[in-house]
Amino acid sequence: MKKVSLLSLLIFCSFFVKAQTLDDVNSLMDKKQYKSAKDAIDKYMADPKNAGKPDGWYYKGRVYNAYSYDSSLSKKDVYDLKLQSFDAFKKYQQLDDKDLRMKVEQYQSYLDLYFGYYDLGASQFNTKDFAGAYESFKKALDVKDYILGKQYIYTLAKVYALDTALVLNTAIAATQAKNLDDALGYYRKLTDANVAGKGYEEVYEYLADYYAKKEDAANLQAIIDKGKRFYPQNGFWSELELRQVSAKGDKPALFAKYEELIAKDPGNFQLGYNYSIEMYNNLYGKDAIKVTDAARDKLTATLKSAIANDKGIDATMLMSNHLFNVAADYSSQASLIKSTKPEDVKKKNELKANSIRVMNETIPYADAAVKFFESAGTLRPVQKANYKIVLGYLSDIYNAKGDAKKAAEYDKKRMAADKM
């Protein structure tokens, strides 16, 4: 066995003891040797005699936080180092009634942890580590709440009771990580505080959709009311209300809801158009009700309003369909009257006259649709189908009116459309 001189042993022991001191830890920190500083503070804290000394915990907090910025570390290690730093600082304050070290630094360490966790969460989110981002954002909120609970004030930074951007990021990260129940709580923090403006509209939409799926009528209506107040131009709220009523299968209630919403927003094309579709299907669909003149007239009036707000051709095409059906219905009723009694002949002639009248009403809408399709260039399959339908309407109308030449013009266009 090799002998060790007493001198060398004393030098070794002296060095070992020195490496355990907080002065050495501080020196390594000054040299920015943070990994070595961590090893040194770990050794210092491993000594049971030091576990109850407040300064050791303060230095552990400083060292661990400083080392957490090492770019060679994984994001999980960064999170854990910051977590232990936060716990160490709190432990220091428990042990030091005077809180001298934290007072001297003006509690900047907590502020750094707050921003550090925030940045870490953003980095994790950008790499699609949503679960990690959620945990980091959540911890940033914890540190922020601790700062506010202690009433620490910083001259160069403002810590808000409700950091809206951070809460939103936490909610989004939780959603992406499939922690939907957790996400709900963070979204609610924003809506309960009536946070609104650019970037927060989807928060209200998310909650409304959530409550709709849960069939939570009270919370749903409350969030719809807020959504309408802050984002009145968003058609999502009306659509959702209509969807809820429609699901119950109560047509009168659905129509009443449309009337209510349109009265509040008469310039909303989608509301008027969708209402028209509902009425159209009610008149001509597989579950059609008994057709009345009042129902026809209501649909015509609603479509006229929709057309006034339509930037496309959908409402005009639906009006063409509707009026042609009305004209065809009058014509069919007339053809069913075979009696030669004066009163029946009179009724038959009235029906024929009504049919021609409505056909004449149809022509300008059908012509407008034809012009739209002919100027649209290459037509999509549904547009091509509608183009051919409306050409057929015009051909039939002019045949009924005895204008064979005009009818032939539209027949020619329809045949050409087959080759498009």
Protein backbone atom coordinates (compact mmCIF):
# COMPACT_ATOMS: atom_id res chain seq x y z
CA MET A 1 0.00 0.00 0.00
CA LYS A 2 1.29 3.43 -0.97
CA LYS A 3 1.92 5.64 2.01
CA VAL A 4 0.34 9.04 2.17
CA SER A 5 2.27 11.73 3.91
CA LEU A 6 0.62 13.64 6.71
CA LEU A 7 1.21 16.89 4.84
CA SER A 8 -0.59 15.72 1.71
CA LEU A 9 -3.48 14.36 3.80
CA LEU A 10 -3.84 17.65 5.59
CA ILE A 11 -3.84 19.52 2.27
CA PHE A 12 -6.52 17.16 0.91
CA CYS A 13 -8.70 17.53 4.00
CA SER A 14 -8.29 21.28 3.95
CA PHE A 15 -9.38 21.42 0.30
CA PHE A 16 -12.34 19.12 0.94
CA VAL A 17 -13.62 21.22 3.80
CA LYS A 18 -13.12 24.44 1.80
CA ALA A 19 -15.23 23.03 -1.07
CA GLN A 20 -18.09 22.73 1.37
CA THR A 21 -18.22 26.40 2.31
CA LEU A 22 -20.71 28.95 0.99
CA ASP A 23 -17.80 31.25 0.16
CA ASP A 24 -16.60 28.71 -2.36
CA VAL A 25 -20.11 28.36 -3.76
CA ASN A 26 -20.30 32.11 -4.12
CA SER A 27 -16.90 32.22 -5.81
CA LEU A 28 -17.97 29.63 -8.38
CA MET A 29 -21.11 31.62 -9.02
CA ASP A 30 -19.04 34.76 -9.62
CA LYS A 31 -17.02 32.81 -12.19
CA LYS A 32 -20.29 31.62 -13.80
CA GLN A 33 -19.27 28.02 -13.17
CA TYR A 34 -22.83 27.06 -12.36
CA LYS A 35 -22.55 23.30 -12.69
CA SER A 36 -19.58 23.25 -10.32
CA ALA A 37 -21.47 25.59 -8.02
CA LYS A 38 -24.37 23.12 -8.01
CA ASP A 39 -22.06 20.26 -7.09
CA ALA A 40 -20.61 22.39 -4.30
CA ILE A 41 -23.96 23.43 -2.84
CA ASP A 42 -25.21 19.86 -3.05
CA LYS A 43 -22.21 18.72 -0.99
CA TYR A 44 -22.76 21.52 1.48
CA MET A 45 -26.43 20.69 1.90
CA ALA A 46 -25.66 16.97 2.22
CA ASP A 47 -24.10 17.68 5.58
CA PRO A 48 -26.90 17.29 8.17
CA LYS A 49 -25.41 20.17 10.17
CA ASN A 50 -26.17 22.56 7.30
CA ALA A 51 -29.75 21.48 6.60
CA GLY A 52 -31.14 23.91 9.15
CA LYS A 53 -29.03 26.88 8.12
CA PRO A 54 -31.03 29.43 6.10
CA ASP A 55 -28.08 30.67 4.03
CA GLY A 56 -27.56 27.22 2.53
CA TRP A 57 -31.09 27.19 1.20
CA TYR A 58 -30.74 30.68 -0.21
CA TYR A 59 -27.59 29.71 -2.09
CA LYS A 60 -29.19 26.53 -3.31
CA GLY A 61 -32.01 28.59 -4.77
CA ARG A 62 -29.60 30.96 -6.50
CA VAL A 63 -27.34 28.22 -7.84
CA TYR A 64 -30.13 25.98 -9.11
CA ASN A 65 -31.87 28.86 -10.87
CA ALA A 66 -28.63 30.08 -12.46
CA TYR A 67 -27.71 26.58 -13.62
CA SER A 68 -31.19 26.09 -15.12
CA TYR A 69 -30.19 28.45 -17.95
CA ASP A 70 -27.48 26.06 -19.16
CA SER A 71 -28.31 25.36 -22.81
CA SER A 72 -27.03 21.79 -22.59
CA LEU A 73 -29.84 20.81 -20.20
CA SER A 74 -33.07 19.17 -21.24
CA LYS A 75 -36.24 21.16 -20.75
CA LYS A 76 -37.32 18.68 -18.09
CA ASP A 77 -34.08 19.30 -16.18
CA VAL A 78 -34.61 23.05 -16.53
CA TYR A 79 -38.11 22.70 -15.08
CA ASP A 80 -36.88 20.57 -12.17
CA LEU A 81 -34.00 22.93 -11.34
CA LYS A 82 -36.33 25.92 -11.24
CA LEU A 83 -38.79 23.98 -9.13
CA GLN A 84 -36.09 23.12 -6.57
CA SER A 85 -34.86 26.71 -6.67
CA PHE A 86 -38.35 27.99 -5.86
CA ASP A 87 -38.70 25.52 -2.99
CA ALA A 88 -35.25 26.44 -1.67
CA PHE A 89 -36.02 30.14 -1.58
CA LYS A 90 -39.24 29.51 0.30
CA LYS A 91 -37.37 27.24 2.74
CA TYR A 92 -34.82 30.00 3.32
CA GLN A 93 -37.57 32.44 4.21
CA GLN A 94 -39.08 29.96 6.64
CA LEU A 95 -35.74 29.64 8.43
CA ASP A 96 -34.70 33.31 8.40
CA ASP A 97 -37.25 35.44 10.19
CA LYS A 98 -35.48 38.61 9.08
CA ASP A 99 -35.41 37.53 5.42
CA LEU A 100 -32.25 39.60 4.98
CA ARG A 101 -30.82 38.09 1.81
CA MET A 102 -34.09 38.28 -0.11
CA LYS A 103 -34.64 41.85 1.06
CA VAL A 104 -31.17 42.87 -0.14
CA GLU A 105 -31.83 41.48 -3.62
CA GLN A 106 -35.39 42.94 -3.50
CA TYR A 107 -36.90 39.52 -4.22
CA GLN A 108 -35.58 39.56 -7.78
CA SER A 109 -35.06 35.79 -7.66
CA TYR A 110 -38.80 35.18 -7.59
CA LEU A 111 -39.35 37.53 -10.50
CA ASP A 112 -36.66 35.71 -12.48
CA LEU A 113 -38.32 32.37 -11.77
CA TYR A 114 -41.66 33.77 -12.91
CA PHE A 115 -40.30 34.95 -16.24
CA GLY A 116 -38.07 31.89 -16.53
CA TYR A 117 -40.99 29.47 -16.27
CA TYR A 118 -42.96 31.62 -18.70
CA ASP A 119 -40.16 31.45 -21.29
CA LEU A 120 -39.68 27.74 -20.72
CA GLY A 121 -43.38 27.10 -21.35
CA ALA A 122 -43.28 29.11 -24.56
CA SER A 123 -40.25 27.15 -25.76
CA GLN A 124 -41.95 23.83 -24.98
CA PHE A 125 -45.15 24.94 -26.70
CA ASN A 126 -43.23 25.88 -29.83
CA THR A 127 -41.77 22.38 -30.00
CA LYS A 128 -45.25 20.91 -29.48
CA ASP A 129 -44.44 19.59 -26.00
CA PHE A 130 -47.87 20.71 -24.84
CA ALA A 131 -47.90 18.71 -21.62
CA GLY A 132 -44.55 20.20 -20.61
CA ALA A 133 -45.66 23.68 -21.64
CA TYR A 134 -48.79 23.34 -19.53
CA GLU A 135 -46.78 22.41 -16.44
CA SER A 136 -44.31 25.28 -16.97
CA PHE A 137 -47.03 27.87 -17.55
CA LYS A 138 -48.88 26.58 -14.51
CA LYS A 139 -45.74 26.89 -12.39
CA ALA A 140 -45.20 30.45 -13.67
CA LEU A 141 -48.68 31.22 -12.36
CA ASP A 142 -47.79 29.64 -9.02
CA VAL A 143 -44.69 31.82 -8.67
CA LYS A 144 -46.68 34.89 -9.71
CA ASP A 145 -49.35 34.16 -7.10
CA TYR A 146 -46.64 33.71 -4.46
CA ILE A 147 -45.17 37.11 -5.36
CA LEU A 148 -48.56 38.76 -5.11
CA GLY A 149 -49.39 36.94 -1.90
CA LYS A 150 -46.22 38.36 -0.35
CA GLN A 151 -46.99 41.79 -1.83
CA TYR A 152 -43.53 42.15 -3.38
CA ILE A 153 -43.25 45.20 -5.64
CA TYR A 154 -40.74 45.60 -8.46
CA THR A 155 -39.64 48.90 -9.91
CA LEU A 156 -38.91 47.62 -13.42
CA ALA A 157 -41.74 45.14 -13.85
CA LYS A 158 -45.43 44.98 -13.05
CA VAL A 159 -46.84 41.71 -11.80
CA TYR A 160 -50.57 41.58 -12.49
CA ALA A 161 -53.12 39.71 -10.43
CA LEU A 162 -54.51 38.36 -13.70
CA ASP A 163 -51.78 37.86 -16.29
CA THR A 164 -54.25 37.39 -19.13
CA ALA A 165 -51.72 36.28 -21.74
CA LEU A 166 -50.19 33.70 -19.38
CA VAL A 167 -53.59 32.36 -18.34
CA LEU A 168 -54.61 32.07 -21.99
CA ASN A 169 -51.38 30.27 -22.88
CA THR A 170 -51.90 27.90 -19.95
CA ALA A 171 -55.44 27.15 -21.09
CA ILE A 172 -54.36 26.55 -24.69
CA ALA A 173 -51.49 24.30 -23.63
CA ALA A 174 -53.85 22.31 -21.38
CA THR A 175 -56.29 21.97 -24.26
CA GLN A 176 -53.58 20.77 -26.62
CA ALA A 177 -52.38 18.34 -23.97
CA LYS A 178 -55.97 16.98 -23.72
CA ASN A 179 -56.35 18.19 -20.12
CA LEU A 180 -59.77 19.56 -21.00
CA ASP A 181 -61.13 19.87 -17.48
CA ASP A 182 -58.04 21.81 -16.42
CA ALA A 183 -58.29 24.01 -19.50
CA LEU A 184 -61.86 24.87 -18.60
CA GLY A 185 -60.77 26.39 -15.31
CA TYR A 186 -58.22 28.66 -16.93
CA TYR A 187 -60.63 29.77 -19.66
CA ARG A 188 -63.16 30.55 -16.96
CA LYS A 189 -60.63 32.79 -15.17
CA LEU A 190 -60.65 34.99 -18.26
CA THR A 191 -64.38 35.07 -18.91
CA ASP A 192 -65.25 35.50 -15.22
CA ALA A 193 -63.03 38.60 -15.29
CA ASN A 194 -64.76 39.79 -18.49
CA VAL A 195 -61.47 39.81 -20.39
CA ALA A 196 -62.18 40.68 -24.02
CA GLY A 197 -60.54 42.16 -27.08
CA LYS A 198 -58.36 40.76 -29.82
CA GLY A 199 -57.17 37.22 -29.17
CA TYR A 200 -59.81 36.29 -26.61
CA GLU A 201 -62.86 35.69 -28.79
CA GLU A 202 -62.12 31.99 -29.11
CA VAL A 203 -62.12 31.66 -25.32
CA TYR A 204 -65.82 32.45 -25.24
CA GLU A 205 -66.44 30.19 -28.25
CA TYR A 206 -64.57 27.32 -26.56
CA LEU A 207 -66.62 27.58 -23.38
CA ALA A 208 -69.90 27.94 -25.28
CA ASP A 209 -69.14 24.84 -27.30
CA TYR A 210 -68.09 22.98 -24.15
CA TYR A 211 -71.30 23.84 -22.29
CA ALA A 212 -73.41 23.02 -25.34
CA LYS A 213 -71.91 19.52 -25.51
CA LYS A 214 -72.43 19.09 -21.77
CA GLU A 215 -76.03 20.32 -22.14
CA ASP A 216 -75.32 22.82 -19.37
CA ALA A 217 -78.05 25.30 -20.31
CA ALA A 218 -77.40 27.85 -17.56
CA ASN A 219 -73.67 28.23 -18.16
CA LEU A 220 -74.22 28.08 -21.91
CA GLN A 221 -76.64 30.98 -21.96
CA ALA A 222 -74.42 33.01 -19.64
CA ILE A 223 -71.38 32.62 -21.89
CA ILE A 224 -73.43 33.30 -25.03
CA ASP A 225 -74.70 36.51 -23.46
CA LYS A 226 -71.15 37.60 -22.71
CA GLY A 227 -69.94 36.58 -26.13
CA LYS A 228 -72.65 38.64 -27.79
CA ARG A 229 -71.81 41.63 -25.61
CA PHE A 230 -68.08 41.58 -26.36
CA TYR A 231 -68.16 40.23 -29.93
CA PRO A 232 -71.55 41.22 -31.38
CA GLN A 233 -70.43 40.69 -35.00
CA ASN A 234 -69.59 37.04 -34.43
CA GLY A 235 -72.32 34.86 -35.94
CA PHE A 236 -71.23 31.92 -33.80
CA TRP A 237 -73.53 32.92 -30.94
CA SER A 238 -76.68 32.98 -33.04
CA GLU A 239 -75.69 29.78 -34.77
CA LEU A 240 -75.21 28.05 -31.44
CA GLU A 241 -78.55 29.28 -30.07
CA LEU A 242 -80.31 28.08 -33.21
CA ARG A 243 -78.55 24.73 -33.00
CA GLN A 244 -79.79 24.26 -29.46
CA VAL A 245 -83.39 25.02 -30.42
CA SER A 246 -83.19 22.94 -33.60
CA ALA A 247 -81.99 19.90 -31.66
CA LYS A 248 -85.32 19.85 -29.83
CA GLY A 249 -87.22 19.40 -33.11
CA ASP A 250 -89.66 22.20 -32.34
CA LYS A 251 -90.12 24.03 -35.67
CA PRO A 252 -92.32 26.86 -34.34
CA ALA A 253 -89.77 27.53 -31.61
CA LEU A 254 -86.95 27.45 -34.15
CA PHE A 255 -88.73 29.89 -36.45
CA ALA A 256 -89.48 32.16 -33.50
CA LYS A 257 -85.80 32.16 -32.56
CA TYR A 258 -84.88 33.11 -36.15
CA GLU A 259 -87.38 35.96 -36.03
CA GLU A 260 -85.93 37.17 -32.73
CA LEU A 261 -82.34 37.08 -33.96
CA ILE A 262 -83.09 38.65 -37.34
CA ALA A 263 -85.00 41.48 -35.67
CA LYS A 264 -81.83 42.27 -33.68
CA ASP A 265 -79.53 41.92 -36.68
CA PRO A 266 -81.50 42.50 -39.89
CA GLY A 267 -78.40 42.93 -42.03
CA ASN A 268 -77.06 39.47 -41.20
CA PHE A 269 -77.17 37.56 -44.49
CA GLN A 270 -76.43 34.16 -43.00
CA LEU A 271 -79.30 34.39 -40.53
CA GLY A 272 -81.82 35.33 -43.21
CA TYR A 273 -80.52 32.78 -45.68
CA ASN A 274 -80.48 29.94 -43.17
CA TYR A 275 -83.99 30.86 -42.04
CA SER A 276 -85.06 30.74 -45.69
CA ILE A 277 -83.59 27.27 -46.08
CA GLU A 278 -85.50 26.08 -43.01
CA MET A 279 -88.75 27.50 -44.41
CA TYR A 280 -88.02 26.13 -47.89
CA ASN A 281 -87.47 22.62 -46.54
CA ASN A 282 -90.61 22.97 -44.47
CA LEU A 283 -92.57 23.74 -47.64
CA TYR A 284 -90.90 21.43 -50.15
CA GLY A 285 -88.88 18.85 -48.22
CA LYS A 286 -89.75 15.27 -47.39
CA ASP A 287 -91.55 16.35 -44.21
CA ALA A 288 -93.32 19.25 -45.90
CA ILE A 289 -96.26 20.80 -44.16
CA LYS A 290 -99.47 21.81 -45.86
CA VAL A 291 -98.52 24.71 -48.13
CA THR A 292 -100.32 27.98 -47.44
CA ASP A 293 -100.14 31.32 -49.20
CA ALA A 294 -98.99 32.89 -45.93
CA ALA A 295 -96.06 30.45 -45.65
CA ARG A 296 -95.09 31.09 -49.29
CA ASP A 297 -95.27 34.84 -48.86
CA LYS A 298 -93.20 34.70 -45.69
CA LEU A 299 -90.45 32.77 -47.48
CA THR A 300 -90.54 35.19 -50.41
CA ALA A 301 -90.21 38.19 -48.10
CA THR A 302 -87.38 36.62 -46.12
CA LEU A 303 -85.49 35.73 -49.29
CA LYS A 304 -85.83 39.26 -50.62
CA SER A 305 -84.15 40.54 -47.46
CA ALA A 306 -81.44 37.91 -47.72
CA ILE A 307 -80.79 38.74 -51.39
CA ALA A 308 -80.27 42.38 -50.44
CA ASN A 309 -77.40 41.26 -48.16
CA ASP A 310 -76.03 38.49 -50.40
CA LYS A 311 -72.65 38.98 -52.03
CA GLY A 312 -73.07 35.78 -53.99
CA ILE A 313 -75.93 34.00 -55.72
CA ASP A 314 -77.16 31.49 -53.14
CA ALA A 315 -80.23 33.41 -51.99
CA THR A 316 -81.13 34.34 -55.58
CA MET A 317 -80.92 30.69 -56.62
CA LEU A 318 -83.10 29.65 -53.70
CA MET A 319 -85.65 32.32 -54.66
CA SER A 320 -85.69 30.97 -58.22
CA ASN A 321 -86.37 27.48 -56.89
CA HIS A 322 -89.06 28.73 -54.53
CA LEU A 323 -90.97 30.88 -57.03
CA PHE A 324 -90.81 28.24 -59.75
CA ASN A 325 -92.28 25.73 -57.29
CA VAL A 326 -95.08 28.17 -56.44
CA ALA A 327 -95.85 28.72 -60.12
CA ALA A 328 -95.76 24.99 -60.80
CA ASP A 329 -98.08 24.36 -57.86
CA TYR A 330 -100.66 26.85 -59.19
CA SER A 331 -100.40 25.24 -62.62
CA SER A 332 -100.88 21.73 -61.19
CA GLN A 333 -103.92 22.83 -59.22
CA ALA A 334 -105.41 24.33 -62.38
CA SER A 335 -104.85 21.15 -64.37
CA LEU A 336 -106.74 19.12 -61.76
CA ILE A 337 -109.94 21.07 -62.36
CA LYS A 338 -111.91 19.26 -65.06
CA SER A 339 -115.33 20.64 -64.29
CA THR A 340 -116.93 23.07 -66.75
CA LYS A 341 -119.07 24.72 -64.10
CA PRO A 342 -118.68 28.50 -64.27
CA GLU A 343 -117.32 28.74 -60.75
CA ASP A 344 -114.77 25.98 -61.43
CA VAL A 345 -113.74 27.51 -64.74
CA LYS A 346 -113.27 30.82 -62.95
CA LYS A 347 -111.13 29.13 -60.28
CA LYS A 348 -109.06 27.38 -62.95
CA ASN A 349 -108.40 30.62 -64.78
CA GLU A 350 -107.40 32.34 -61.54
CA LEU A 351 -104.92 29.57 -60.83
CA LYS A 352 -103.46 29.82 -64.34
CA ALA A 353 -103.18 33.58 -63.98
CA ASN A 354 -101.44 33.17 -60.64
CA SER A 355 -99.06 30.68 -62.20
CA ILE A 356 -98.11 33.10 -64.99
CA ARG A 357 -97.82 35.94 -62.47
CA VAL A 358 -95.39 34.03 -60.32
CA MET A 359 -93.49 32.85 -63.41
CA ASN A 360 -92.98 36.50 -64.32
CA GLU A 361 -91.72 37.11 -60.79
CA THR A 362 -89.29 34.22 -61.21
CA ILE A 363 -87.70 35.50 -64.43
CA PRO A 364 -85.52 38.32 -63.02
CA TYR A 365 -84.12 36.06 -60.29
CA ALA A 366 -83.47 33.23 -62.74
CA ASP A 367 -81.85 35.64 -65.21
CA ALA A 368 -79.62 37.01 -62.46
CA ALA A 369 -78.50 33.47 -61.62
CA VAL A 370 -77.76 32.72 -65.29
CA LYS A 371 -75.65 35.87 -65.61
CA PHE A 372 -73.75 35.01 -62.45
CA PHE A 373 -72.90 31.49 -63.60
CA GLU A 374 -71.98 32.62 -67.11
CA SER A 375 -69.55 35.19 -65.75
CA ALA A 376 -68.03 32.88 -63.15
CA GLY A 377 -65.63 31.11 -65.51
CA THR A 378 -65.07 27.43 -64.73
CA LEU A 379 -68.02 26.18 -62.71
CA ARG A 380 -67.82 23.77 -59.82
CA PRO A 381 -70.08 20.70 -60.15
CA VAL A 382 -72.77 22.18 -57.87
CA GLN A 383 -72.68 25.47 -59.78
CA LYS A 384 -72.97 23.67 -63.10
CA ALA A 385 -75.97 21.73 -61.78
CA ASN A 386 -77.67 24.92 -60.59
CA TYR A 387 -76.92 26.64 -63.90
CA LYS A 388 -78.68 23.86 -65.80
CA ILE A 389 -81.61 23.89 -63.36
CA VAL A 390 -82.24 27.59 -63.74
CA LEU A 391 -81.94 27.37 -67.54
CA GLY A 392 -84.61 24.67 -67.37
CA TYR A 393 -86.84 26.97 -65.34
CA LEU A 394 -86.57 29.73 -67.92
CA SER A 395 -87.24 27.34 -70.79
CA ASP A 396 -90.36 25.99 -69.07
CA ILE A 397 -91.57 29.49 -68.18
CA TYR A 398 -91.29 30.80 -71.72
CA ASN A 399 -92.95 27.68 -73.10
CA ALA A 400 -95.83 28.22 -70.66
CA LYS A 401 -96.03 31.83 -71.79
CA GLY A 402 -96.15 30.71 -75.45
CA ASP A 403 -92.72 32.14 -76.36
CA ALA A 404 -91.17 29.13 -78.08
CA LYS A 405 -88.28 31.15 -79.53
CA LYS A 406 -87.16 32.37 -76.14
CA ALA A 407 -87.59 28.90 -74.65
CA ALA A 408 -85.39 27.48 -77.42
CA GLU A 409 -82.59 29.92 -76.55
CA TYR A 410 -82.43 28.56 -73.02
CA ASP A 411 -82.70 24.97 -74.24
CA LYS A 412 -79.67 25.60 -76.43
CA LYS A 413 -77.71 26.98 -73.48
CA ARG A 414 -78.68 24.00 -71.37
CA MET A 415 -77.45 21.53 -74.01
CA ALA A 416 -74.20 23.48 -74.27
CA ALA A 417 -73.83 23.28 -70.51
CA ASP A 418 -73.77 19.48 -70.76
CA LYS A 419 -70.53 19.77 -72.72
CA MET A 420 -68.85 22.15 -70.28
